[in-house]
Amino acid sequence: MPRAMAHLRFGTDNRYMRLFVAAELPEPVTSHLASALAPLMPEGTRALTPVENWHLTLAFYGEVPEGSAGELAGAVARSTGILSAPVVHLSGSGWFRHTTAWIGVGGQVEKLTAVMTTLEDLGPREPPATSHRPHLTIARTGRRTRGRVPALDQVITALSVYRGPEWTIEEVVLMCSELGQGRFFRTK
C-alpha cells in the first residue's frame, strides 16, 4: 500500500520549504580555502559555488510543509543540545558522479557522522541508504558536461592534498534553499 507523503488541506496554501541542516564555516576556514583555490582557478571559471554559500550539509530534509519548519527546528535544537561538538578540518578533494566537486572533511569524522545520522533521522524522509561522506561542495558542472571541465579536474587533483585549519562545529543552522537559485537562507 502506498505511503502518504503529505496531508494537504483544501482551502489552505500548502506551501513547502526545501530544508536542510548545515554547519557554517568560520571565516578563517573559508579564507584559507579561498586562498588555496585562487591561484588554481582559471579566469572566467563560473562553476564554483560562491564563498558565501559554503557550508557542510549535515542533513537534507527536502520539501517540508512550511508550517512544520518550527517543529523541525525544535527537534534539531533538542538533538544537538545533547550531542558533543566535533573538531574537524577540510581535507582532500574529489568528485561525486563527475558533476559535483567537493572538499572532504577530516578530524573527528566518526563523531560528525554520528551527528549527521541523528539529524537525518529527524526528517520526514527516509534517511539515505548510503553512508554519509561529510564534504563541502565547491563546484557543480551540470549534467551536460558530465565533469568534462579539464580546468576543474586539475583544481580537484591539486586540492587532493589540501588540509585546512581545525575548528569546532559548535552550532548548526536549519536552512532553506531555493532550488536552482544557488541561494540559502536561515529559517526563522
N, C-alpha and C. Protein backbone atom coordinates (compact mmCIF):
# COMPACT_ATOMS: atom_id res chain seq x y z
N MET A 1 0.84 -1.18 0.00
CA MET A 1 0.00 0.00 0.00
C MET A 1 0.89 1.24 0.00
N PRO A 2 0.63 2.25 -0.86
CA PRO A 2 1.46 3.45 -0.90
C PRO A 2 1.37 4.23 0.40
N ARG A 3 2.49 4.87 0.74
CA ARG A 3 2.56 5.71 1.93
C ARG A 3 2.24 7.15 1.59
N ALA A 4 1.46 7.83 2.42
CA ALA A 4 1.16 9.24 2.18
C ALA A 4 2.42 10.06 2.43
N MET A 5 2.76 10.90 1.48
CA MET A 5 3.94 11.76 1.63
C MET A 5 3.61 13.05 2.35
N ALA A 6 2.38 13.54 2.19
CA ALA A 6 1.97 14.77 2.85
C ALA A 6 0.45 14.81 2.89
N HIS A 7 -0.07 15.39 3.91
CA HIS A 7 -1.52 15.57 4.04
C HIS A 7 -1.82 17.03 3.73
N LEU A 8 -2.58 17.28 2.67
CA LEU A 8 -2.87 18.63 2.23
C LEU A 8 -4.34 18.95 2.49
N ARG A 9 -4.60 20.16 2.92
CA ARG A 9 -5.97 20.57 3.24
C ARG A 9 -6.51 21.51 2.17
N PHE A 10 -7.77 21.31 1.81
CA PHE A 10 -8.42 22.22 0.88
C PHE A 10 -8.57 23.58 1.54
N GLY A 11 -8.41 24.62 0.73
CA GLY A 11 -8.59 25.97 1.24
C GLY A 11 -7.36 26.52 1.96
N THR A 12 -6.24 25.81 1.91
CA THR A 12 -5.00 26.32 2.52
C THR A 12 -3.95 26.47 1.44
N ASP A 13 -2.88 27.15 1.77
CA ASP A 13 -1.84 27.46 0.79
C ASP A 13 -0.94 26.26 0.48
N ASN A 14 -0.74 25.37 1.45
CA ASN A 14 0.09 24.17 1.26
C ASN A 14 1.48 24.49 0.73
N ARG A 15 2.14 25.48 1.31
CA ARG A 15 3.49 25.86 0.89
C ARG A 15 4.52 24.91 1.48
N TYR A 16 5.57 24.72 0.71
CA TYR A 16 6.65 23.85 1.13
C TYR A 16 7.96 24.62 1.13
N MET A 17 8.88 24.16 1.98
CA MET A 17 10.22 24.72 2.04
C MET A 17 11.20 23.57 1.84
N ARG A 18 12.28 23.81 1.14
CA ARG A 18 13.33 22.81 0.92
C ARG A 18 14.37 23.02 2.02
N LEU A 19 14.32 22.16 3.05
CA LEU A 19 15.11 22.39 4.26
C LEU A 19 16.29 21.43 4.39
N PHE A 20 17.34 21.94 5.03
CA PHE A 20 18.49 21.13 5.38
C PHE A 20 19.17 21.74 6.60
N VAL A 21 19.96 20.93 7.28
CA VAL A 21 20.75 21.41 8.42
C VAL A 21 22.18 21.54 7.94
N ALA A 22 22.80 22.68 8.29
CA ALA A 22 24.16 22.94 7.84
C ALA A 22 25.03 23.42 8.99
N ALA A 23 26.31 23.20 8.83
CA ALA A 23 27.32 23.80 9.70
C ALA A 23 27.99 24.86 8.86
N GLU A 24 27.93 26.10 9.32
CA GLU A 24 28.59 27.17 8.60
C GLU A 24 30.08 27.16 8.93
N LEU A 25 30.88 27.55 7.97
CA LEU A 25 32.33 27.56 8.17
C LEU A 25 32.77 28.90 8.75
N PRO A 26 33.66 28.87 9.73
CA PRO A 26 34.17 30.14 10.26
C PRO A 26 35.03 30.85 9.21
N GLU A 27 35.14 32.15 9.35
CA GLU A 27 35.86 32.98 8.38
C GLU A 27 37.30 32.50 8.13
N PRO A 28 38.08 32.14 9.16
CA PRO A 28 39.44 31.67 8.86
C PRO A 28 39.48 30.42 7.97
N VAL A 29 38.47 29.58 8.08
CA VAL A 29 38.41 28.37 7.26
C VAL A 29 38.08 28.73 5.82
N THR A 30 37.09 29.61 5.61
CA THR A 30 36.74 29.99 4.25
C THR A 30 37.87 30.78 3.59
N SER A 31 38.51 31.65 4.35
CA SER A 31 39.63 32.43 3.81
C SER A 31 40.78 31.52 3.38
N HIS A 32 41.08 30.53 4.22
CA HIS A 32 42.17 29.60 3.92
C HIS A 32 41.89 28.84 2.62
N LEU A 33 40.68 28.31 2.49
CA LEU A 33 40.34 27.56 1.28
C LEU A 33 40.27 28.48 0.07
N ALA A 34 39.68 29.66 0.22
CA ALA A 34 39.62 30.61 -0.90
C ALA A 34 41.03 30.97 -1.38
N SER A 35 41.96 31.13 -0.44
CA SER A 35 43.36 31.44 -0.81
C SER A 35 44.01 30.27 -1.53
N ALA A 36 43.65 29.05 -1.15
CA ALA A 36 44.21 27.87 -1.83
C ALA A 36 43.61 27.73 -3.23
N LEU A 37 42.34 28.09 -3.38
CA LEU A 37 41.68 27.96 -4.68
C LEU A 37 42.10 29.05 -5.68
N ALA A 38 42.30 30.25 -5.19
CA ALA A 38 42.52 31.41 -6.07
C ALA A 38 43.59 31.19 -7.14
N PRO A 39 44.78 30.74 -6.80
CA PRO A 39 45.80 30.60 -7.85
C PRO A 39 45.53 29.41 -8.79
N LEU A 40 44.63 28.52 -8.39
CA LEU A 40 44.37 27.33 -9.19
C LEU A 40 43.27 27.54 -10.24
N MET A 41 42.38 28.50 -9.99
CA MET A 41 41.22 28.69 -10.85
C MET A 41 41.55 29.52 -12.07
N PRO A 42 41.26 28.98 -13.25
CA PRO A 42 41.46 29.78 -14.46
C PRO A 42 40.45 30.93 -14.50
N GLU A 43 40.82 32.03 -15.12
CA GLU A 43 39.92 33.18 -15.22
C GLU A 43 38.65 32.78 -15.94
N GLY A 44 37.53 33.32 -15.45
CA GLY A 44 36.25 33.08 -16.09
C GLY A 44 35.55 31.80 -15.69
N THR A 45 36.15 31.01 -14.79
CA THR A 45 35.50 29.78 -14.35
C THR A 45 34.27 30.15 -13.53
N ARG A 46 33.12 29.63 -13.93
CA ARG A 46 31.87 30.01 -13.28
C ARG A 46 31.26 28.90 -12.45
N ALA A 47 31.79 27.73 -12.48
CA ALA A 47 31.16 26.59 -11.82
C ALA A 47 31.30 26.63 -10.30
N LEU A 48 32.21 27.46 -9.79
CA LEU A 48 32.44 27.48 -8.35
C LEU A 48 31.22 27.95 -7.56
N THR A 49 30.98 27.28 -6.45
CA THR A 49 29.95 27.71 -5.52
C THR A 49 30.43 29.00 -4.86
N PRO A 50 29.59 30.04 -4.80
CA PRO A 50 30.03 31.29 -4.16
C PRO A 50 30.45 31.05 -2.71
N VAL A 51 31.50 31.70 -2.28
CA VAL A 51 32.04 31.52 -0.93
C VAL A 51 30.96 31.73 0.13
N GLU A 52 30.07 32.69 -0.08
CA GLU A 52 29.03 32.95 0.93
C GLU A 52 28.04 31.80 1.06
N ASN A 53 28.05 30.86 0.12
CA ASN A 53 27.18 29.68 0.21
C ASN A 53 27.90 28.44 0.73
N TRP A 54 29.17 28.55 1.06
CA TRP A 54 29.91 27.38 1.55
C TRP A 54 29.38 26.95 2.91
N HIS A 55 29.15 25.67 3.05
CA HIS A 55 28.68 25.09 4.31
C HIS A 55 28.85 23.57 4.22
N LEU A 56 28.76 22.91 5.35
CA LEU A 56 28.72 21.45 5.38
C LEU A 56 27.25 21.07 5.56
N THR A 57 26.68 20.34 4.63
CA THR A 57 25.31 19.86 4.80
C THR A 57 25.36 18.65 5.72
N LEU A 58 24.65 18.74 6.84
CA LEU A 58 24.65 17.66 7.83
C LEU A 58 23.42 16.77 7.69
N ALA A 59 22.31 17.32 7.21
CA ALA A 59 21.09 16.55 6.99
C ALA A 59 20.26 17.28 5.94
N PHE A 60 19.70 16.53 5.02
CA PHE A 60 18.85 17.11 4.00
C PHE A 60 17.45 16.55 4.18
N TYR A 61 16.47 17.45 4.30
CA TYR A 61 15.09 17.03 4.56
C TYR A 61 14.19 17.16 3.33
N GLY A 62 14.62 17.88 2.33
CA GLY A 62 13.80 18.04 1.13
C GLY A 62 12.62 18.95 1.38
N GLU A 63 11.55 18.72 0.62
CA GLU A 63 10.35 19.56 0.70
C GLU A 63 9.59 19.24 1.98
N VAL A 64 9.46 20.25 2.83
CA VAL A 64 8.79 20.12 4.12
C VAL A 64 7.70 21.18 4.18
N PRO A 65 6.50 20.83 4.64
CA PRO A 65 5.45 21.85 4.75
C PRO A 65 5.95 23.04 5.58
N GLU A 66 5.70 24.24 5.06
CA GLU A 66 6.19 25.46 5.71
C GLU A 66 5.80 25.53 7.18
N GLY A 67 4.61 25.10 7.51
CA GLY A 67 4.13 25.16 8.89
C GLY A 67 4.83 24.23 9.86
N SER A 68 5.57 23.25 9.35
CA SER A 68 6.24 22.32 10.26
C SER A 68 7.72 22.65 10.45
N ALA A 69 8.20 23.73 9.85
CA ALA A 69 9.61 24.10 9.98
C ALA A 69 9.97 24.40 11.44
N GLY A 70 9.08 25.06 12.16
CA GLY A 70 9.35 25.38 13.57
C GLY A 70 9.49 24.13 14.42
N GLU A 71 8.63 23.16 14.17
CA GLU A 71 8.70 21.89 14.91
C GLU A 71 10.00 21.16 14.61
N LEU A 72 10.40 21.17 13.34
CA LEU A 72 11.65 20.53 12.94
C LEU A 72 12.84 21.25 13.57
N ALA A 73 12.79 22.59 13.59
CA ALA A 73 13.87 23.36 14.21
C ALA A 73 13.99 23.02 15.69
N GLY A 74 12.86 22.85 16.37
CA GLY A 74 12.89 22.46 17.78
C GLY A 74 13.51 21.09 17.99
N ALA A 75 13.18 20.15 17.11
CA ALA A 75 13.75 18.79 17.21
C ALA A 75 15.26 18.83 16.97
N VAL A 76 15.69 19.65 16.00
CA VAL A 76 17.13 19.79 15.73
C VAL A 76 17.82 20.38 16.95
N ALA A 77 17.22 21.41 17.55
CA ALA A 77 17.82 22.05 18.73
C ALA A 77 17.93 21.07 19.89
N ARG A 78 16.89 20.29 20.12
CA ARG A 78 16.94 19.31 21.22
C ARG A 78 18.03 18.27 20.97
N SER A 79 18.14 17.81 19.74
CA SER A 79 19.13 16.77 19.42
C SER A 79 20.56 17.29 19.53
N THR A 80 20.82 18.47 18.99
CA THR A 80 22.18 19.00 19.05
C THR A 80 22.55 19.40 20.46
N GLY A 81 21.56 19.67 21.29
CA GLY A 81 21.83 20.03 22.68
C GLY A 81 22.43 18.90 23.49
N ILE A 82 22.22 17.66 23.04
CA ILE A 82 22.74 16.52 23.80
C ILE A 82 23.94 15.86 23.11
N LEU A 83 24.32 16.34 21.93
CA LEU A 83 25.46 15.78 21.21
C LEU A 83 26.71 16.59 21.51
N SER A 84 27.86 15.97 21.39
CA SER A 84 29.10 16.72 21.60
C SER A 84 29.60 17.25 20.26
N ALA A 85 30.22 18.42 20.31
CA ALA A 85 30.67 19.11 19.10
C ALA A 85 31.94 18.50 18.54
N PRO A 86 31.93 18.12 17.25
CA PRO A 86 33.14 17.55 16.65
C PRO A 86 34.15 18.63 16.26
N VAL A 87 35.42 18.27 16.35
CA VAL A 87 36.51 19.13 15.88
C VAL A 87 36.91 18.59 14.51
N VAL A 88 36.87 19.44 13.49
CA VAL A 88 37.08 19.00 12.12
C VAL A 88 38.02 19.95 11.37
N HIS A 89 38.40 19.56 10.19
CA HIS A 89 39.14 20.42 9.26
C HIS A 89 38.80 19.96 7.85
N LEU A 90 38.93 20.84 6.88
CA LEU A 90 38.72 20.47 5.49
C LEU A 90 39.97 19.75 5.01
N SER A 91 39.76 18.70 4.21
CA SER A 91 40.89 17.86 3.83
C SER A 91 40.59 17.08 2.56
N GLY A 92 41.47 17.20 1.56
CA GLY A 92 41.33 16.42 0.34
C GLY A 92 40.23 16.94 -0.56
N SER A 93 40.02 16.24 -1.68
CA SER A 93 39.02 16.67 -2.66
C SER A 93 38.64 15.50 -3.54
N GLY A 94 37.57 15.69 -4.30
CA GLY A 94 37.12 14.64 -5.22
C GLY A 94 35.88 15.06 -5.97
N TRP A 95 35.29 14.08 -6.66
CA TRP A 95 34.08 14.29 -7.45
C TRP A 95 33.00 13.31 -7.00
N PHE A 96 31.75 13.75 -7.03
CA PHE A 96 30.60 12.86 -6.95
C PHE A 96 29.99 12.81 -8.35
N ARG A 97 29.89 11.62 -8.92
CA ARG A 97 29.28 11.40 -10.24
C ARG A 97 29.79 12.35 -11.32
N HIS A 98 30.98 12.81 -11.18
CA HIS A 98 31.61 13.71 -12.17
C HIS A 98 30.80 14.98 -12.42
N THR A 99 29.93 15.37 -11.47
CA THR A 99 29.16 16.61 -11.62
C THR A 99 29.31 17.53 -10.41
N THR A 100 29.78 16.99 -9.29
CA THR A 100 29.88 17.78 -8.07
C THR A 100 31.29 17.64 -7.51
N ALA A 101 32.01 18.76 -7.46
CA ALA A 101 33.37 18.77 -6.90
C ALA A 101 33.27 19.09 -5.42
N TRP A 102 34.02 18.35 -4.60
CA TRP A 102 33.93 18.53 -3.16
C TRP A 102 35.30 18.61 -2.51
N ILE A 103 35.28 19.22 -1.32
CA ILE A 103 36.42 19.20 -0.40
C ILE A 103 35.98 18.34 0.77
N GLY A 104 36.81 17.39 1.16
CA GLY A 104 36.45 16.47 2.22
C GLY A 104 36.62 17.07 3.61
N VAL A 105 36.25 16.29 4.59
CA VAL A 105 36.34 16.70 5.99
C VAL A 105 37.18 15.66 6.74
N GLY A 106 38.13 16.16 7.53
CA GLY A 106 38.96 15.30 8.37
C GLY A 106 38.75 15.66 9.83
N GLY A 107 39.46 15.00 10.68
CA GLY A 107 39.31 15.24 12.12
C GLY A 107 38.39 14.20 12.73
N GLN A 108 37.49 14.64 13.58
CA GLN A 108 36.57 13.72 14.28
C GLN A 108 35.39 13.36 13.37
N VAL A 109 35.70 12.66 12.29
CA VAL A 109 34.71 12.33 11.28
C VAL A 109 33.66 11.36 11.82
N GLU A 110 34.07 10.40 12.65
CA GLU A 110 33.09 9.47 13.22
C GLU A 110 32.08 10.21 14.08
N LYS A 111 32.53 11.17 14.87
CA LYS A 111 31.64 11.96 15.70
C LYS A 111 30.70 12.80 14.81
N LEU A 112 31.26 13.40 13.75
CA LEU A 112 30.46 14.20 12.83
C LEU A 112 29.42 13.32 12.12
N THR A 113 29.82 12.13 11.71
CA THR A 113 28.89 11.21 11.05
C THR A 113 27.76 10.81 11.98
N ALA A 114 28.05 10.62 13.26
CA ALA A 114 27.00 10.32 14.24
C ALA A 114 26.01 11.48 14.35
N VAL A 115 26.53 12.71 14.34
CA VAL A 115 25.66 13.89 14.36
C VAL A 115 24.78 13.90 13.12
N MET A 116 25.39 13.64 11.96
CA MET A 116 24.64 13.63 10.70
C MET A 116 23.52 12.59 10.72
N THR A 117 23.83 11.40 11.21
CA THR A 117 22.83 10.33 11.28
C THR A 117 21.68 10.73 12.20
N THR A 118 22.01 11.29 13.35
CA THR A 118 20.97 11.74 14.30
C THR A 118 20.07 12.79 13.66
N LEU A 119 20.67 13.75 12.97
CA LEU A 119 19.89 14.81 12.34
C LEU A 119 19.06 14.29 11.18
N GLU A 120 19.61 13.39 10.37
CA GLU A 120 18.84 12.81 9.26
C GLU A 120 17.60 12.08 9.78
N ASP A 121 17.75 11.39 10.91
CA ASP A 121 16.64 10.62 11.47
C ASP A 121 15.46 11.50 11.90
N LEU A 122 15.69 12.79 12.08
CA LEU A 122 14.62 13.71 12.50
C LEU A 122 13.69 14.09 11.35
N GLY A 123 14.16 13.92 10.13
CA GLY A 123 13.43 14.42 8.97
C GLY A 123 12.25 13.56 8.58
N PRO A 124 11.41 14.12 7.70
CA PRO A 124 10.21 13.42 7.25
C PRO A 124 10.49 12.36 6.19
N ARG A 125 11.68 12.38 5.60
CA ARG A 125 12.05 11.42 4.57
C ARG A 125 12.78 10.24 5.19
N GLU A 126 12.85 9.16 4.43
CA GLU A 126 13.67 8.04 4.83
C GLU A 126 15.13 8.49 4.79
N PRO A 127 15.92 8.19 5.83
CA PRO A 127 17.34 8.54 5.77
C PRO A 127 18.01 7.83 4.59
N PRO A 128 19.05 8.42 4.03
CA PRO A 128 19.71 7.80 2.87
C PRO A 128 20.28 6.43 3.23
N ALA A 129 20.22 5.54 2.25
CA ALA A 129 20.74 4.19 2.45
C ALA A 129 22.25 4.16 2.40
N THR A 130 22.84 5.15 1.75
CA THR A 130 24.29 5.18 1.62
C THR A 130 24.92 5.81 2.86
N SER A 131 26.18 5.51 3.05
CA SER A 131 26.87 6.09 4.19
C SER A 131 27.13 7.57 3.95
N HIS A 132 27.23 8.33 5.02
CA HIS A 132 27.47 9.76 4.92
C HIS A 132 28.94 10.04 4.59
N ARG A 133 29.16 11.00 3.75
CA ARG A 133 30.52 11.46 3.47
C ARG A 133 30.51 12.97 3.69
N PRO A 134 30.95 13.41 4.87
CA PRO A 134 30.96 14.86 5.12
C PRO A 134 31.82 15.56 4.08
N HIS A 135 31.30 16.67 3.54
CA HIS A 135 32.02 17.38 2.50
C HIS A 135 31.49 18.80 2.34
N LEU A 136 32.25 19.60 1.64
CA LEU A 136 31.87 20.95 1.22
C LEU A 136 31.83 20.93 -0.30
N THR A 137 30.68 21.25 -0.88
CA THR A 137 30.58 21.32 -2.34
C THR A 137 31.20 22.64 -2.79
N ILE A 138 32.18 22.54 -3.68
CA ILE A 138 32.82 23.78 -4.17
C ILE A 138 32.43 24.09 -5.62
N ALA A 139 31.90 23.11 -6.35
CA ALA A 139 31.51 23.37 -7.74
C ALA A 139 30.53 22.31 -8.22
N ARG A 140 29.67 22.74 -9.12
CA ARG A 140 28.76 21.83 -9.82
C ARG A 140 28.93 22.10 -11.31
N THR A 141 29.10 21.03 -12.08
CA THR A 141 29.34 21.22 -13.50
C THR A 141 28.08 21.02 -14.32
N GLY A 142 27.07 20.41 -13.77
CA GLY A 142 25.84 20.16 -14.52
C GLY A 142 25.91 18.84 -15.25
N ARG A 143 24.76 18.38 -15.65
CA ARG A 143 24.67 17.08 -16.30
C ARG A 143 25.23 17.09 -17.72
N ARG A 144 25.14 18.22 -18.40
CA ARG A 144 25.60 18.28 -19.79
C ARG A 144 27.11 18.06 -19.91
N THR A 145 27.88 18.62 -19.01
CA THR A 145 29.33 18.50 -19.13
C THR A 145 29.85 17.20 -18.55
N ARG A 146 29.08 16.58 -17.66
CA ARG A 146 29.48 15.32 -17.02
C ARG A 146 30.90 15.37 -16.49
N GLY A 147 31.25 16.51 -15.90
CA GLY A 147 32.56 16.62 -15.28
C GLY A 147 33.69 16.88 -16.25
N ARG A 148 33.37 17.05 -17.53
CA ARG A 148 34.39 17.26 -18.53
C ARG A 148 34.84 18.72 -18.56
N VAL A 149 35.33 19.17 -17.44
CA VAL A 149 35.87 20.52 -17.32
C VAL A 149 37.32 20.35 -16.89
N PRO A 150 38.23 20.26 -17.88
CA PRO A 150 39.63 19.98 -17.55
C PRO A 150 40.22 20.92 -16.50
N ALA A 151 39.84 22.19 -16.52
CA ALA A 151 40.38 23.13 -15.54
C ALA A 151 39.97 22.72 -14.13
N LEU A 152 38.72 22.27 -13.96
CA LEU A 152 38.28 21.83 -12.64
C LEU A 152 38.92 20.50 -12.25
N ASP A 153 39.13 19.62 -13.21
CA ASP A 153 39.83 18.37 -12.91
C ASP A 153 41.21 18.66 -12.32
N GLN A 154 41.89 19.63 -12.89
CA GLN A 154 43.22 20.00 -12.40
C GLN A 154 43.15 20.60 -11.00
N VAL A 155 42.12 21.40 -10.75
CA VAL A 155 41.94 22.01 -9.42
C VAL A 155 41.70 20.92 -8.39
N ILE A 156 40.81 19.99 -8.70
CA ILE A 156 40.49 18.91 -7.76
C ILE A 156 41.70 18.03 -7.51
N THR A 157 42.48 17.76 -8.54
CA THR A 157 43.71 16.98 -8.36
C THR A 157 44.68 17.73 -7.45
N ALA A 158 44.85 19.02 -7.68
CA ALA A 158 45.77 19.82 -6.86
C ALA A 158 45.31 19.88 -5.40
N LEU A 159 43.99 19.94 -5.19
CA LEU A 159 43.46 20.05 -3.81
C LEU A 159 43.37 18.70 -3.09
N SER A 160 43.76 17.64 -3.75
CA SER A 160 43.69 16.32 -3.11
C SER A 160 44.58 16.25 -1.86
N VAL A 161 45.58 17.11 -1.78
CA VAL A 161 46.47 17.13 -0.61
C VAL A 161 46.17 18.31 0.31
N TYR A 162 45.08 19.03 0.04
CA TYR A 162 44.72 20.20 0.84
C TYR A 162 44.35 19.80 2.27
N ARG A 163 44.77 20.64 3.23
CA ARG A 163 44.34 20.48 4.62
C ARG A 163 44.16 21.87 5.19
N GLY A 164 42.94 22.17 5.63
CA GLY A 164 42.63 23.48 6.19
C GLY A 164 42.78 23.50 7.70
N PRO A 165 42.55 24.67 8.30
CA PRO A 165 42.66 24.81 9.76
C PRO A 165 41.51 24.08 10.48
N GLU A 166 41.80 23.64 11.70
CA GLU A 166 40.78 22.98 12.53
C GLU A 166 39.79 23.99 13.09
N TRP A 167 38.56 23.50 13.30
CA TRP A 167 37.58 24.28 14.03
C TRP A 167 36.59 23.33 14.67
N THR A 168 35.91 23.82 15.68
CA THR A 168 34.89 23.03 16.37
C THR A 168 33.53 23.46 15.84
N ILE A 169 32.75 22.49 15.40
CA ILE A 169 31.39 22.79 14.96
C ILE A 169 30.55 22.96 16.22
N GLU A 170 30.34 24.20 16.61
CA GLU A 170 29.64 24.50 17.86
C GLU A 170 28.15 24.72 17.68
N GLU A 171 27.72 24.98 16.44
CA GLU A 171 26.29 25.16 16.20
C GLU A 171 25.95 24.73 14.78
N VAL A 172 24.69 24.42 14.59
CA VAL A 172 24.17 24.09 13.27
C VAL A 172 23.00 25.03 12.99
N VAL A 173 22.65 25.13 11.71
CA VAL A 173 21.61 26.05 11.28
C VAL A 173 20.62 25.29 10.41
N LEU A 174 19.33 25.45 10.69
CA LEU A 174 18.31 24.93 9.79
C LEU A 174 18.15 25.95 8.67
N MET A 175 18.39 25.51 7.44
CA MET A 175 18.40 26.43 6.31
C MET A 175 17.39 25.99 5.26
N CYS A 176 17.01 26.94 4.43
CA CYS A 176 16.09 26.69 3.33
C CYS A 176 16.81 27.05 2.04
N SER A 177 16.67 26.21 1.02
CA SER A 177 17.30 26.52 -0.26
C SER A 177 16.22 26.77 -1.30
N GLU A 178 16.54 27.59 -2.25
CA GLU A 178 15.67 27.84 -3.39
C GLU A 178 16.27 27.09 -4.56
N LEU A 179 15.66 25.98 -4.92
CA LEU A 179 16.18 25.08 -5.94
C LEU A 179 16.51 25.83 -7.23
N GLY A 180 17.74 25.64 -7.69
CA GLY A 180 18.18 26.26 -8.93
C GLY A 180 18.61 27.70 -8.79
N GLN A 181 18.43 28.28 -7.61
CA GLN A 181 18.78 29.69 -7.42
C GLN A 181 20.16 29.87 -6.80
N GLY A 182 20.71 28.80 -6.23
CA GLY A 182 22.02 28.90 -5.61
C GLY A 182 22.02 29.77 -4.36
N ARG A 183 20.84 29.93 -3.75
CA ARG A 183 20.74 30.78 -2.55
C ARG A 183 20.21 29.97 -1.39
N PHE A 184 20.67 30.34 -0.21
CA PHE A 184 20.22 29.70 1.00
C PHE A 184 19.84 30.79 1.98
N PHE A 185 18.89 30.51 2.86
CA PHE A 185 18.62 31.46 3.93
C PHE A 185 18.23 30.70 5.17
N ARG A 186 18.50 31.35 6.30
CA ARG A 186 18.16 30.75 7.58
C ARG A 186 16.66 30.76 7.78
N THR A 187 16.14 29.68 8.36
CA THR A 187 14.73 29.69 8.70
C THR A 187 14.55 30.47 9.99
N LYS A 188 13.36 30.96 10.22
CA LYS A 188 13.11 31.76 11.44
C LYS A 188 12.67 30.87 12.57
